[in-house]
Amino acid sequence: TSRRTLKEAEPGSEVWIVRPGGGE
């Protein structure tokens, strides 16, 4: 979970995916 695209005042989090070797 992350708040990377949410604004400061917005509640909650979003689900993100990453590969174990890294990457965007």
PDBML (XML) file of the C-alpha atoms, coordinates in Angstrom:
<?xml version="1.0" encoding="UTF-8" ?>
<PDBx:datablock datablockName="MODEL"
   xmlns:PDBx="http://pdbml.pdb.org/schema/pdbx-v50.xsd"
   xmlns:xsi="http://www.w3.org/2001/XMLSchema-instance"
   xsi:schemaLocation="http://pdbml.pdb.org/schema/pdbx-v50.xsd pdbx-v50.xsd">
   <PDBx:atom_siteCategory>
      <PDBx:atom_site id="1">
         <PDBx:B_iso_or_equiv>0.00</PDBx:B_iso_or_equiv>
         <PDBx:Cartn_x>0.000</PDBx:Cartn_x>
         <PDBx:Cartn_y>0.000</PDBx:Cartn_y>
         <PDBx:Cartn_z>0.000</PDBx:Cartn_z>
         <PDBx:auth_asym_id>A</PDBx:auth_asym_id>
         <PDBx:auth_atom_id>CA</PDBx:auth_atom_id>
         <PDBx:auth_comp_id>THR</PDBx:auth_comp_id>
         <PDBx:auth_seq_id>1</PDBx:auth_seq_id>
         <PDBx:group_PDB>ATOM</PDBx:group_PDB>
         <PDBx:label_alt_id xsi:nil="true" />
         <PDBx:label_asym_id>A</PDBx:label_asym_id>
         <PDBx:label_atom_id>CA</PDBx:label_atom_id>
         <PDBx:label_comp_id>THR</PDBx:label_comp_id>
         <PDBx:label_entity_id>1</PDBx:label_entity_id>
         <PDBx:label_seq_id>1</PDBx:label_seq_id>
         <PDBx:occupancy>1.00</PDBx:occupancy>
         <PDBx:pdbx_PDB_model_num>1</PDBx:pdbx_PDB_model_num>
         <PDBx:type_symbol>C</PDBx:type_symbol>
      </PDBx:atom_site>
      <PDBx:atom_site id="2">
         <PDBx:B_iso_or_equiv>0.00</PDBx:B_iso_or_equiv>
         <PDBx:Cartn_x>1.082</PDBx:Cartn_x>
         <PDBx:Cartn_y>3.571</PDBx:Cartn_y>
         <PDBx:Cartn_z>-0.651</PDBx:Cartn_z>
         <PDBx:auth_asym_id>A</PDBx:auth_asym_id>
         <PDBx:auth_atom_id>CA</PDBx:auth_atom_id>
         <PDBx:auth_comp_id>SER</PDBx:auth_comp_id>
         <PDBx:auth_seq_id>2</PDBx:auth_seq_id>
         <PDBx:group_PDB>ATOM</PDBx:group_PDB>
         <PDBx:label_alt_id xsi:nil="true" />
         <PDBx:label_asym_id>A</PDBx:label_asym_id>
         <PDBx:label_atom_id>CA</PDBx:label_atom_id>
         <PDBx:label_comp_id>SER</PDBx:label_comp_id>
         <PDBx:label_entity_id>1</PDBx:label_entity_id>
         <PDBx:label_seq_id>2</PDBx:label_seq_id>
         <PDBx:occupancy>1.00</PDBx:occupancy>
         <PDBx:pdbx_PDB_model_num>1</PDBx:pdbx_PDB_model_num>
         <PDBx:type_symbol>C</PDBx:type_symbol>
      </PDBx:atom_site>
      <PDBx:atom_site id="3">
         <PDBx:B_iso_or_equiv>0.00</PDBx:B_iso_or_equiv>
         <PDBx:Cartn_x>-0.231</PDBx:Cartn_x>
         <PDBx:Cartn_y>7.115</PDBx:Cartn_y>
         <PDBx:Cartn_z>-0.830</PDBx:Cartn_z>
         <PDBx:auth_asym_id>A</PDBx:auth_asym_id>
         <PDBx:auth_atom_id>CA</PDBx:auth_atom_id>
         <PDBx:auth_comp_id>ARG</PDBx:auth_comp_id>
         <PDBx:auth_seq_id>3</PDBx:auth_seq_id>
         <PDBx:group_PDB>ATOM</PDBx:group_PDB>
         <PDBx:label_alt_id xsi:nil="true" />
         <PDBx:label_asym_id>A</PDBx:label_asym_id>
         <PDBx:label_atom_id>CA</PDBx:label_atom_id>
         <PDBx:label_comp_id>ARG</PDBx:label_comp_id>
         <PDBx:label_entity_id>1</PDBx:label_entity_id>
         <PDBx:label_seq_id>3</PDBx:label_seq_id>
         <PDBx:occupancy>1.00</PDBx:occupancy>
         <PDBx:pdbx_PDB_model_num>1</PDBx:pdbx_PDB_model_num>
         <PDBx:type_symbol>C</PDBx:type_symbol>
      </PDBx:atom_site>
      <PDBx:atom_site id="4">
         <PDBx:B_iso_or_equiv>0.00</PDBx:B_iso_or_equiv>
         <PDBx:Cartn_x>2.131</PDBx:Cartn_x>
         <PDBx:Cartn_y>8.131</PDBx:Cartn_y>
         <PDBx:Cartn_z>-3.660</PDBx:Cartn_z>
         <PDBx:auth_asym_id>A</PDBx:auth_asym_id>
         <PDBx:auth_atom_id>CA</PDBx:auth_atom_id>
         <PDBx:auth_comp_id>ARG</PDBx:auth_comp_id>
         <PDBx:auth_seq_id>4</PDBx:auth_seq_id>
         <PDBx:group_PDB>ATOM</PDBx:group_PDB>
         <PDBx:label_alt_id xsi:nil="true" />
         <PDBx:label_asym_id>A</PDBx:label_asym_id>
         <PDBx:label_atom_id>CA</PDBx:label_atom_id>
         <PDBx:label_comp_id>ARG</PDBx:label_comp_id>
         <PDBx:label_entity_id>1</PDBx:label_entity_id>
         <PDBx:label_seq_id>4</PDBx:label_seq_id>
         <PDBx:occupancy>1.00</PDBx:occupancy>
         <PDBx:pdbx_PDB_model_num>1</PDBx:pdbx_PDB_model_num>
         <PDBx:type_symbol>C</PDBx:type_symbol>
      </PDBx:atom_site>
      <PDBx:atom_site id="5">
         <PDBx:B_iso_or_equiv>0.00</PDBx:B_iso_or_equiv>
         <PDBx:Cartn_x>-0.539</PDBx:Cartn_x>
         <PDBx:Cartn_y>9.600</PDBx:Cartn_y>
         <PDBx:Cartn_z>-5.969</PDBx:Cartn_z>
         <PDBx:auth_asym_id>A</PDBx:auth_asym_id>
         <PDBx:auth_atom_id>CA</PDBx:auth_atom_id>
         <PDBx:auth_comp_id>THR</PDBx:auth_comp_id>
         <PDBx:auth_seq_id>5</PDBx:auth_seq_id>
         <PDBx:group_PDB>ATOM</PDBx:group_PDB>
         <PDBx:label_alt_id xsi:nil="true" />
         <PDBx:label_asym_id>A</PDBx:label_asym_id>
         <PDBx:label_atom_id>CA</PDBx:label_atom_id>
         <PDBx:label_comp_id>THR</PDBx:label_comp_id>
         <PDBx:label_entity_id>1</PDBx:label_entity_id>
         <PDBx:label_seq_id>5</PDBx:label_seq_id>
         <PDBx:occupancy>1.00</PDBx:occupancy>
         <PDBx:pdbx_PDB_model_num>1</PDBx:pdbx_PDB_model_num>
         <PDBx:type_symbol>C</PDBx:type_symbol>
      </PDBx:atom_site>
      <PDBx:atom_site id="6">
         <PDBx:B_iso_or_equiv>0.00</PDBx:B_iso_or_equiv>
         <PDBx:Cartn_x>-2.966</PDBx:Cartn_x>
         <PDBx:Cartn_y>10.836</PDBx:Cartn_y>
         <PDBx:Cartn_z>-3.313</PDBx:Cartn_z>
         <PDBx:auth_asym_id>A</PDBx:auth_asym_id>
         <PDBx:auth_atom_id>CA</PDBx:auth_atom_id>
         <PDBx:auth_comp_id>LEU</PDBx:auth_comp_id>
         <PDBx:auth_seq_id>6</PDBx:auth_seq_id>
         <PDBx:group_PDB>ATOM</PDBx:group_PDB>
         <PDBx:label_alt_id xsi:nil="true" />
         <PDBx:label_asym_id>A</PDBx:label_asym_id>
         <PDBx:label_atom_id>CA</PDBx:label_atom_id>
         <PDBx:label_comp_id>LEU</PDBx:label_comp_id>
         <PDBx:label_entity_id>1</PDBx:label_entity_id>
         <PDBx:label_seq_id>6</PDBx:label_seq_id>
         <PDBx:occupancy>1.00</PDBx:occupancy>
         <PDBx:pdbx_PDB_model_num>1</PDBx:pdbx_PDB_model_num>
         <PDBx:type_symbol>C</PDBx:type_symbol>
      </PDBx:atom_site>
      <PDBx:atom_site id="7">
         <PDBx:B_iso_or_equiv>0.00</PDBx:B_iso_or_equiv>
         <PDBx:Cartn_x>-3.063</PDBx:Cartn_x>
         <PDBx:Cartn_y>14.419</PDBx:Cartn_y>
         <PDBx:Cartn_z>-2.112</PDBx:Cartn_z>
         <PDBx:auth_asym_id>A</PDBx:auth_asym_id>
         <PDBx:auth_atom_id>CA</PDBx:auth_atom_id>
         <PDBx:auth_comp_id>LYS</PDBx:auth_comp_id>
         <PDBx:auth_seq_id>7</PDBx:auth_seq_id>
         <PDBx:group_PDB>ATOM</PDBx:group_PDB>
         <PDBx:label_alt_id xsi:nil="true" />
         <PDBx:label_asym_id>A</PDBx:label_asym_id>
         <PDBx:label_atom_id>CA</PDBx:label_atom_id>
         <PDBx:label_comp_id>LYS</PDBx:label_comp_id>
         <PDBx:label_entity_id>1</PDBx:label_entity_id>
         <PDBx:label_seq_id>7</PDBx:label_seq_id>
         <PDBx:occupancy>1.00</PDBx:occupancy>
         <PDBx:pdbx_PDB_model_num>1</PDBx:pdbx_PDB_model_num>
         <PDBx:type_symbol>C</PDBx:type_symbol>
      </PDBx:atom_site>
      <PDBx:atom_site id="8">
         <PDBx:B_iso_or_equiv>0.00</PDBx:B_iso_or_equiv>
         <PDBx:Cartn_x>-2.182</PDBx:Cartn_x>
         <PDBx:Cartn_y>15.190</PDBx:Cartn_y>
         <PDBx:Cartn_z>1.507</PDBx:Cartn_z>
         <PDBx:auth_asym_id>A</PDBx:auth_asym_id>
         <PDBx:auth_atom_id>CA</PDBx:auth_atom_id>
         <PDBx:auth_comp_id>GLU</PDBx:auth_comp_id>
         <PDBx:auth_seq_id>8</PDBx:auth_seq_id>
         <PDBx:group_PDB>ATOM</PDBx:group_PDB>
         <PDBx:label_alt_id xsi:nil="true" />
         <PDBx:label_asym_id>A</PDBx:label_asym_id>
         <PDBx:label_atom_id>CA</PDBx:label_atom_id>
         <PDBx:label_comp_id>GLU</PDBx:label_comp_id>
         <PDBx:label_entity_id>1</PDBx:label_entity_id>
         <PDBx:label_seq_id>8</PDBx:label_seq_id>
         <PDBx:occupancy>1.00</PDBx:occupancy>
         <PDBx:pdbx_PDB_model_num>1</PDBx:pdbx_PDB_model_num>
         <PDBx:type_symbol>C</PDBx:type_symbol>
      </PDBx:atom_site>
      <PDBx:atom_site id="9">
         <PDBx:B_iso_or_equiv>0.00</PDBx:B_iso_or_equiv>
         <PDBx:Cartn_x>-5.826</PDBx:Cartn_x>
         <PDBx:Cartn_y>15.746</PDBx:Cartn_y>
         <PDBx:Cartn_z>2.535</PDBx:Cartn_z>
         <PDBx:auth_asym_id>A</PDBx:auth_asym_id>
         <PDBx:auth_atom_id>CA</PDBx:auth_atom_id>
         <PDBx:auth_comp_id>ALA</PDBx:auth_comp_id>
         <PDBx:auth_seq_id>9</PDBx:auth_seq_id>
         <PDBx:group_PDB>ATOM</PDBx:group_PDB>
         <PDBx:label_alt_id xsi:nil="true" />
         <PDBx:label_asym_id>A</PDBx:label_asym_id>
         <PDBx:label_atom_id>CA</PDBx:label_atom_id>
         <PDBx:label_comp_id>ALA</PDBx:label_comp_id>
         <PDBx:label_entity_id>1</PDBx:label_entity_id>
         <PDBx:label_seq_id>9</PDBx:label_seq_id>
         <PDBx:occupancy>1.00</PDBx:occupancy>
         <PDBx:pdbx_PDB_model_num>1</PDBx:pdbx_PDB_model_num>
         <PDBx:type_symbol>C</PDBx:type_symbol>
      </PDBx:atom_site>
      <PDBx:atom_site id="10">
         <PDBx:B_iso_or_equiv>0.00</PDBx:B_iso_or_equiv>
         <PDBx:Cartn_x>-7.184</PDBx:Cartn_x>
         <PDBx:Cartn_y>12.624</PDBx:Cartn_y>
         <PDBx:Cartn_z>0.793</PDBx:Cartn_z>
         <PDBx:auth_asym_id>A</PDBx:auth_asym_id>
         <PDBx:auth_atom_id>CA</PDBx:auth_atom_id>
         <PDBx:auth_comp_id>GLU</PDBx:auth_comp_id>
         <PDBx:auth_seq_id>10</PDBx:auth_seq_id>
         <PDBx:group_PDB>ATOM</PDBx:group_PDB>
         <PDBx:label_alt_id xsi:nil="true" />
         <PDBx:label_asym_id>A</PDBx:label_asym_id>
         <PDBx:label_atom_id>CA</PDBx:label_atom_id>
         <PDBx:label_comp_id>GLU</PDBx:label_comp_id>
         <PDBx:label_entity_id>1</PDBx:label_entity_id>
         <PDBx:label_seq_id>10</PDBx:label_seq_id>
         <PDBx:occupancy>1.00</PDBx:occupancy>
         <PDBx:pdbx_PDB_model_num>1</PDBx:pdbx_PDB_model_num>
         <PDBx:type_symbol>C</PDBx:type_symbol>
      </PDBx:atom_site>
      <PDBx:atom_site id="11">
         <PDBx:B_iso_or_equiv>0.00</PDBx:B_iso_or_equiv>
         <PDBx:Cartn_x>-7.826</PDBx:Cartn_x>
         <PDBx:Cartn_y>9.651</PDBx:Cartn_y>
         <PDBx:Cartn_z>3.095</PDBx:Cartn_z>
         <PDBx:auth_asym_id>A</PDBx:auth_asym_id>
         <PDBx:auth_atom_id>CA</PDBx:auth_atom_id>
         <PDBx:auth_comp_id>PRO</PDBx:auth_comp_id>
         <PDBx:auth_seq_id>11</PDBx:auth_seq_id>
         <PDBx:group_PDB>ATOM</PDBx:group_PDB>
         <PDBx:label_alt_id xsi:nil="true" />
         <PDBx:label_asym_id>A</PDBx:label_asym_id>
         <PDBx:label_atom_id>CA</PDBx:label_atom_id>
         <PDBx:label_comp_id>PRO</PDBx:label_comp_id>
         <PDBx:label_entity_id>1</PDBx:label_entity_id>
         <PDBx:label_seq_id>11</PDBx:label_seq_id>
         <PDBx:occupancy>1.00</PDBx:occupancy>
         <PDBx:pdbx_PDB_model_num>1</PDBx:pdbx_PDB_model_num>
         <PDBx:type_symbol>C</PDBx:type_symbol>
      </PDBx:atom_site>
      <PDBx:atom_site id="12">
         <PDBx:B_iso_or_equiv>0.00</PDBx:B_iso_or_equiv>
         <PDBx:Cartn_x>-6.715</PDBx:Cartn_x>
         <PDBx:Cartn_y>6.074</PDBx:Cartn_y>
         <PDBx:Cartn_z>2.452</PDBx:Cartn_z>
         <PDBx:auth_asym_id>A</PDBx:auth_asym_id>
         <PDBx:auth_atom_id>CA</PDBx:auth_atom_id>
         <PDBx:auth_comp_id>GLY</PDBx:auth_comp_id>
         <PDBx:auth_seq_id>12</PDBx:auth_seq_id>
         <PDBx:group_PDB>ATOM</PDBx:group_PDB>
         <PDBx:label_alt_id xsi:nil="true" />
         <PDBx:label_asym_id>A</PDBx:label_asym_id>
         <PDBx:label_atom_id>CA</PDBx:label_atom_id>
         <PDBx:label_comp_id>GLY</PDBx:label_comp_id>
         <PDBx:label_entity_id>1</PDBx:label_entity_id>
         <PDBx:label_seq_id>12</PDBx:label_seq_id>
         <PDBx:occupancy>1.00</PDBx:occupancy>
         <PDBx:pdbx_PDB_model_num>1</PDBx:pdbx_PDB_model_num>
         <PDBx:type_symbol>C</PDBx:type_symbol>
      </PDBx:atom_site>
      <PDBx:atom_site id="13">
         <PDBx:B_iso_or_equiv>0.00</PDBx:B_iso_or_equiv>
         <PDBx:Cartn_x>-4.066</PDBx:Cartn_x>
         <PDBx:Cartn_y>4.293</PDBx:Cartn_y>
         <PDBx:Cartn_z>0.437</PDBx:Cartn_z>
         <PDBx:auth_asym_id>A</PDBx:auth_asym_id>
         <PDBx:auth_atom_id>CA</PDBx:auth_atom_id>
         <PDBx:auth_comp_id>SER</PDBx:auth_comp_id>
         <PDBx:auth_seq_id>13</PDBx:auth_seq_id>
         <PDBx:group_PDB>ATOM</PDBx:group_PDB>
         <PDBx:label_alt_id xsi:nil="true" />
         <PDBx:label_asym_id>A</PDBx:label_asym_id>
         <PDBx:label_atom_id>CA</PDBx:label_atom_id>
         <PDBx:label_comp_id>SER</PDBx:label_comp_id>
         <PDBx:label_entity_id>1</PDBx:label_entity_id>
         <PDBx:label_seq_id>13</PDBx:label_seq_id>
         <PDBx:occupancy>1.00</PDBx:occupancy>
         <PDBx:pdbx_PDB_model_num>1</PDBx:pdbx_PDB_model_num>
         <PDBx:type_symbol>C</PDBx:type_symbol>
      </PDBx:atom_site>
      <PDBx:atom_site id="14">
         <PDBx:B_iso_or_equiv>0.00</PDBx:B_iso_or_equiv>
         <PDBx:Cartn_x>-3.744</PDBx:Cartn_x>
         <PDBx:Cartn_y>2.582</PDBx:Cartn_y>
         <PDBx:Cartn_z>-2.926</PDBx:Cartn_z>
         <PDBx:auth_asym_id>A</PDBx:auth_asym_id>
         <PDBx:auth_atom_id>CA</PDBx:auth_atom_id>
         <PDBx:auth_comp_id>GLU</PDBx:auth_comp_id>
         <PDBx:auth_seq_id>14</PDBx:auth_seq_id>
         <PDBx:group_PDB>ATOM</PDBx:group_PDB>
         <PDBx:label_alt_id xsi:nil="true" />
         <PDBx:label_asym_id>A</PDBx:label_asym_id>
         <PDBx:label_atom_id>CA</PDBx:label_atom_id>
         <PDBx:label_comp_id>GLU</PDBx:label_comp_id>
         <PDBx:label_entity_id>1</PDBx:label_entity_id>
         <PDBx:label_seq_id>14</PDBx:label_seq_id>
         <PDBx:occupancy>1.00</PDBx:occupancy>
         <PDBx:pdbx_PDB_model_num>1</PDBx:pdbx_PDB_model_num>
         <PDBx:type_symbol>C</PDBx:type_symbol>
      </PDBx:atom_site>
      <PDBx:atom_site id="15">
         <PDBx:B_iso_or_equiv>0.00</PDBx:B_iso_or_equiv>
         <PDBx:Cartn_x>-2.412</PDBx:Cartn_x>
         <PDBx:Cartn_y>-0.881</PDBx:Cartn_y>
         <PDBx:Cartn_z>-3.794</PDBx:Cartn_z>
         <PDBx:auth_asym_id>A</PDBx:auth_asym_id>
         <PDBx:auth_atom_id>CA</PDBx:auth_atom_id>
         <PDBx:auth_comp_id>VAL</PDBx:auth_comp_id>
         <PDBx:auth_seq_id>15</PDBx:auth_seq_id>
         <PDBx:group_PDB>ATOM</PDBx:group_PDB>
         <PDBx:label_alt_id xsi:nil="true" />
         <PDBx:label_asym_id>A</PDBx:label_asym_id>
         <PDBx:label_atom_id>CA</PDBx:label_atom_id>
         <PDBx:label_comp_id>VAL</PDBx:label_comp_id>
         <PDBx:label_entity_id>1</PDBx:label_entity_id>
         <PDBx:label_seq_id>15</PDBx:label_seq_id>
         <PDBx:occupancy>1.00</PDBx:occupancy>
         <PDBx:pdbx_PDB_model_num>1</PDBx:pdbx_PDB_model_num>
         <PDBx:type_symbol>C</PDBx:type_symbol>
      </PDBx:atom_site>
      <PDBx:atom_site id="16">
         <PDBx:B_iso_or_equiv>0.00</PDBx:B_iso_or_equiv>
         <PDBx:Cartn_x>0.797</PDBx:Cartn_x>
         <PDBx:Cartn_y>-0.944</PDBx:Cartn_y>
         <PDBx:Cartn_z>-5.837</PDBx:Cartn_z>
         <PDBx:auth_asym_id>A</PDBx:auth_asym_id>
         <PDBx:auth_atom_id>CA</PDBx:auth_atom_id>
         <PDBx:auth_comp_id>TRP</PDBx:auth_comp_id>
         <PDBx:auth_seq_id>16</PDBx:auth_seq_id>
         <PDBx:group_PDB>ATOM</PDBx:group_PDB>
         <PDBx:label_alt_id xsi:nil="true" />
         <PDBx:label_asym_id>A</PDBx:label_asym_id>
         <PDBx:label_atom_id>CA</PDBx:label_atom_id>
         <PDBx:label_comp_id>TRP</PDBx:label_comp_id>
         <PDBx:label_entity_id>1</PDBx:label_entity_id>
         <PDBx:label_seq_id>16</PDBx:label_seq_id>
         <PDBx:occupancy>1.00</PDBx:occupancy>
         <PDBx:pdbx_PDB_model_num>1</PDBx:pdbx_PDB_model_num>
         <PDBx:type_symbol>C</PDBx:type_symbol>
      </PDBx:atom_site>
      <PDBx:atom_site id="17">
         <PDBx:B_iso_or_equiv>0.00</PDBx:B_iso_or_equiv>
         <PDBx:Cartn_x>2.852</PDBx:Cartn_x>
         <PDBx:Cartn_y>-3.800</PDBx:Cartn_y>
         <PDBx:Cartn_z>-7.325</PDBx:Cartn_z>
         <PDBx:auth_asym_id>A</PDBx:auth_asym_id>
         <PDBx:auth_atom_id>CA</PDBx:auth_atom_id>
         <PDBx:auth_comp_id>ILE</PDBx:auth_comp_id>
         <PDBx:auth_seq_id>17</PDBx:auth_seq_id>
         <PDBx:group_PDB>ATOM</PDBx:group_PDB>
         <PDBx:label_alt_id xsi:nil="true" />
         <PDBx:label_asym_id>A</PDBx:label_asym_id>
         <PDBx:label_atom_id>CA</PDBx:label_atom_id>
         <PDBx:label_comp_id>ILE</PDBx:label_comp_id>
         <PDBx:label_entity_id>1</PDBx:label_entity_id>
         <PDBx:label_seq_id>17</PDBx:label_seq_id>
         <PDBx:occupancy>1.00</PDBx:occupancy>
         <PDBx:pdbx_PDB_model_num>1</PDBx:pdbx_PDB_model_num>
         <PDBx:type_symbol>C</PDBx:type_symbol>
      </PDBx:atom_site>
      <PDBx:atom_site id="18">
         <PDBx:B_iso_or_equiv>0.00</PDBx:B_iso_or_equiv>
         <PDBx:Cartn_x>6.634</PDBx:Cartn_x>
         <PDBx:Cartn_y>-4.169</PDBx:Cartn_y>
         <PDBx:Cartn_z>-7.618</PDBx:Cartn_z>
         <PDBx:auth_asym_id>A</PDBx:auth_asym_id>
         <PDBx:auth_atom_id>CA</PDBx:auth_atom_id>
         <PDBx:auth_comp_id>VAL</PDBx:auth_comp_id>
         <PDBx:auth_seq_id>18</PDBx:auth_seq_id>
         <PDBx:group_PDB>ATOM</PDBx:group_PDB>
         <PDBx:label_alt_id xsi:nil="true" />
         <PDBx:label_asym_id>A</PDBx:label_asym_id>
         <PDBx:label_atom_id>CA</PDBx:label_atom_id>
         <PDBx:label_comp_id>VAL</PDBx:label_comp_id>
         <PDBx:label_entity_id>1</PDBx:label_entity_id>
         <PDBx:label_seq_id>18</PDBx:label_seq_id>
         <PDBx:occupancy>1.00</PDBx:occupancy>
         <PDBx:pdbx_PDB_model_num>1</PDBx:pdbx_PDB_model_num>
         <PDBx:type_symbol>C</PDBx:type_symbol>
      </PDBx:atom_site>
      <PDBx:atom_site id="19">
         <PDBx:B_iso_or_equiv>0.00</PDBx:B_iso_or_equiv>
         <PDBx:Cartn_x>8.908</PDBx:Cartn_x>
         <PDBx:Cartn_y>-6.994</PDBx:Cartn_y>
         <PDBx:Cartn_z>-8.746</PDBx:Cartn_z>
         <PDBx:auth_asym_id>A</PDBx:auth_asym_id>
         <PDBx:auth_atom_id>CA</PDBx:auth_atom_id>
         <PDBx:auth_comp_id>ARG</PDBx:auth_comp_id>
         <PDBx:auth_seq_id>19</PDBx:auth_seq_id>
         <PDBx:group_PDB>ATOM</PDBx:group_PDB>
         <PDBx:label_alt_id xsi:nil="true" />
         <PDBx:label_asym_id>A</PDBx:label_asym_id>
         <PDBx:label_atom_id>CA</PDBx:label_atom_id>
         <PDBx:label_comp_id>ARG</PDBx:label_comp_id>
         <PDBx:label_entity_id>1</PDBx:label_entity_id>
         <PDBx:label_seq_id>19</PDBx:label_seq_id>
         <PDBx:occupancy>1.00</PDBx:occupancy>
         <PDBx:pdbx_PDB_model_num>1</PDBx:pdbx_PDB_model_num>
         <PDBx:type_symbol>C</PDBx:type_symbol>
      </PDBx:atom_site>
      <PDBx:atom_site id="20">
         <PDBx:B_iso_or_equiv>0.00</PDBx:B_iso_or_equiv>
         <PDBx:Cartn_x>11.204</PDBx:Cartn_x>
         <PDBx:Cartn_y>-8.502</PDBx:Cartn_y>
         <PDBx:Cartn_z>-6.071</PDBx:Cartn_z>
         <PDBx:auth_asym_id>A</PDBx:auth_asym_id>
         <PDBx:auth_atom_id>CA</PDBx:auth_atom_id>
         <PDBx:auth_comp_id>PRO</PDBx:auth_comp_id>
         <PDBx:auth_seq_id>20</PDBx:auth_seq_id>
         <PDBx:group_PDB>ATOM</PDBx:group_PDB>
         <PDBx:label_alt_id xsi:nil="true" />
         <PDBx:label_asym_id>A</PDBx:label_asym_id>
         <PDBx:label_atom_id>CA</PDBx:label_atom_id>
         <PDBx:label_comp_id>PRO</PDBx:label_comp_id>
         <PDBx:label_entity_id>1</PDBx:label_entity_id>
         <PDBx:label_seq_id>20</PDBx:label_seq_id>
         <PDBx:occupancy>1.00</PDBx:occupancy>
         <PDBx:pdbx_PDB_model_num>1</PDBx:pdbx_PDB_model_num>
         <PDBx:type_symbol>C</PDBx:type_symbol>
      </PDBx:atom_site>
      <PDBx:atom_site id="21">
         <PDBx:B_iso_or_equiv>0.00</PDBx:B_iso_or_equiv>
         <PDBx:Cartn_x>14.239</PDBx:Cartn_x>
         <PDBx:Cartn_y>-7.505</PDBx:Cartn_y>
         <PDBx:Cartn_z>-8.129</PDBx:Cartn_z>
         <PDBx:auth_asym_id>A</PDBx:auth_asym_id>
         <PDBx:auth_atom_id>CA</PDBx:auth_atom_id>
         <PDBx:auth_comp_id>GLY</PDBx:auth_comp_id>
         <PDBx:auth_seq_id>21</PDBx:auth_seq_id>
         <PDBx:group_PDB>ATOM</PDBx:group_PDB>
         <PDBx:label_alt_id xsi:nil="true" />
         <PDBx:label_asym_id>A</PDBx:label_asym_id>
         <PDBx:label_atom_id>CA</PDBx:label_atom_id>
         <PDBx:label_comp_id>GLY</PDBx:label_comp_id>
         <PDBx:label_entity_id>1</PDBx:label_entity_id>
         <PDBx:label_seq_id>21</PDBx:label_seq_id>
         <PDBx:occupancy>1.00</PDBx:occupancy>
         <PDBx:pdbx_PDB_model_num>1</PDBx:pdbx_PDB_model_num>
         <PDBx:type_symbol>C</PDBx:type_symbol>
      </PDBx:atom_site>
      <PDBx:atom_site id="22">
         <PDBx:B_iso_or_equiv>0.00</PDBx:B_iso_or_equiv>
         <PDBx:Cartn_x>13.152</PDBx:Cartn_x>
         <PDBx:Cartn_y>-3.864</PDBx:Cartn_y>
         <PDBx:Cartn_z>-8.046</PDBx:Cartn_z>
         <PDBx:auth_asym_id>A</PDBx:auth_asym_id>
         <PDBx:auth_atom_id>CA</PDBx:auth_atom_id>
         <PDBx:auth_comp_id>GLY</PDBx:auth_comp_id>
         <PDBx:auth_seq_id>22</PDBx:auth_seq_id>
         <PDBx:group_PDB>ATOM</PDBx:group_PDB>
         <PDBx:label_alt_id xsi:nil="true" />
         <PDBx:label_asym_id>A</PDBx:label_asym_id>
         <PDBx:label_atom_id>CA</PDBx:label_atom_id>
         <PDBx:label_comp_id>GLY</PDBx:label_comp_id>
         <PDBx:label_entity_id>1</PDBx:label_entity_id>
         <PDBx:label_seq_id>22</PDBx:label_seq_id>
         <PDBx:occupancy>1.00</PDBx:occupancy>
         <PDBx:pdbx_PDB_model_num>1</PDBx:pdbx_PDB_model_num>
         <PDBx:type_symbol>C</PDBx:type_symbol>
      </PDBx:atom_site>
      <PDBx:atom_site id="23">
         <PDBx:B_iso_or_equiv>0.00</PDBx:B_iso_or_equiv>
         <PDBx:Cartn_x>11.989</PDBx:Cartn_x>
         <PDBx:Cartn_y>-1.497</PDBx:Cartn_y>
         <PDBx:Cartn_z>-10.736</PDBx:Cartn_z>
         <PDBx:auth_asym_id>A</PDBx:auth_asym_id>
         <PDBx:auth_atom_id>CA</PDBx:auth_atom_id>
         <PDBx:auth_comp_id>GLY</PDBx:auth_comp_id>
         <PDBx:auth_seq_id>23</PDBx:auth_seq_id>
         <PDBx:group_PDB>ATOM</PDBx:group_PDB>
         <PDBx:label_alt_id xsi:nil="true" />
         <PDBx:label_asym_id>A</PDBx:label_asym_id>
         <PDBx:label_atom_id>CA</PDBx:label_atom_id>
         <PDBx:label_comp_id>GLY</PDBx:label_comp_id>
         <PDBx:label_entity_id>1</PDBx:label_entity_id>
         <PDBx:label_seq_id>23</PDBx:label_seq_id>
         <PDBx:occupancy>1.00</PDBx:occupancy>
         <PDBx:pdbx_PDB_model_num>1</PDBx:pdbx_PDB_model_num>
         <PDBx:type_symbol>C</PDBx:type_symbol>
      </PDBx:atom_site>
      <PDBx:atom_site id="24">
         <PDBx:B_iso_or_equiv>0.00</PDBx:B_iso_or_equiv>
         <PDBx:Cartn_x>9.244</PDBx:Cartn_x>
         <PDBx:Cartn_y>1.074</PDBx:Cartn_y>
         <PDBx:Cartn_z>-10.973</PDBx:Cartn_z>
         <PDBx:auth_asym_id>A</PDBx:auth_asym_id>
         <PDBx:auth_atom_id>CA</PDBx:auth_atom_id>
         <PDBx:auth_comp_id>GLU</PDBx:auth_comp_id>
         <PDBx:auth_seq_id>24</PDBx:auth_seq_id>
         <PDBx:group_PDB>ATOM</PDBx:group_PDB>
         <PDBx:label_alt_id xsi:nil="true" />
         <PDBx:label_asym_id>A</PDBx:label_asym_id>
         <PDBx:label_atom_id>CA</PDBx:label_atom_id>
         <PDBx:label_comp_id>GLU</PDBx:label_comp_id>
         <PDBx:label_entity_id>1</PDBx:label_entity_id>
         <PDBx:label_seq_id>24</PDBx:label_seq_id>
         <PDBx:occupancy>1.00</PDBx:occupancy>
         <PDBx:pdbx_PDB_model_num>1</PDBx:pdbx_PDB_model_num>
         <PDBx:type_symbol>C</PDBx:type_symbol>
      </PDBx:atom_site>
   </PDBx:atom_siteCategory>
</PDBx:datablock>
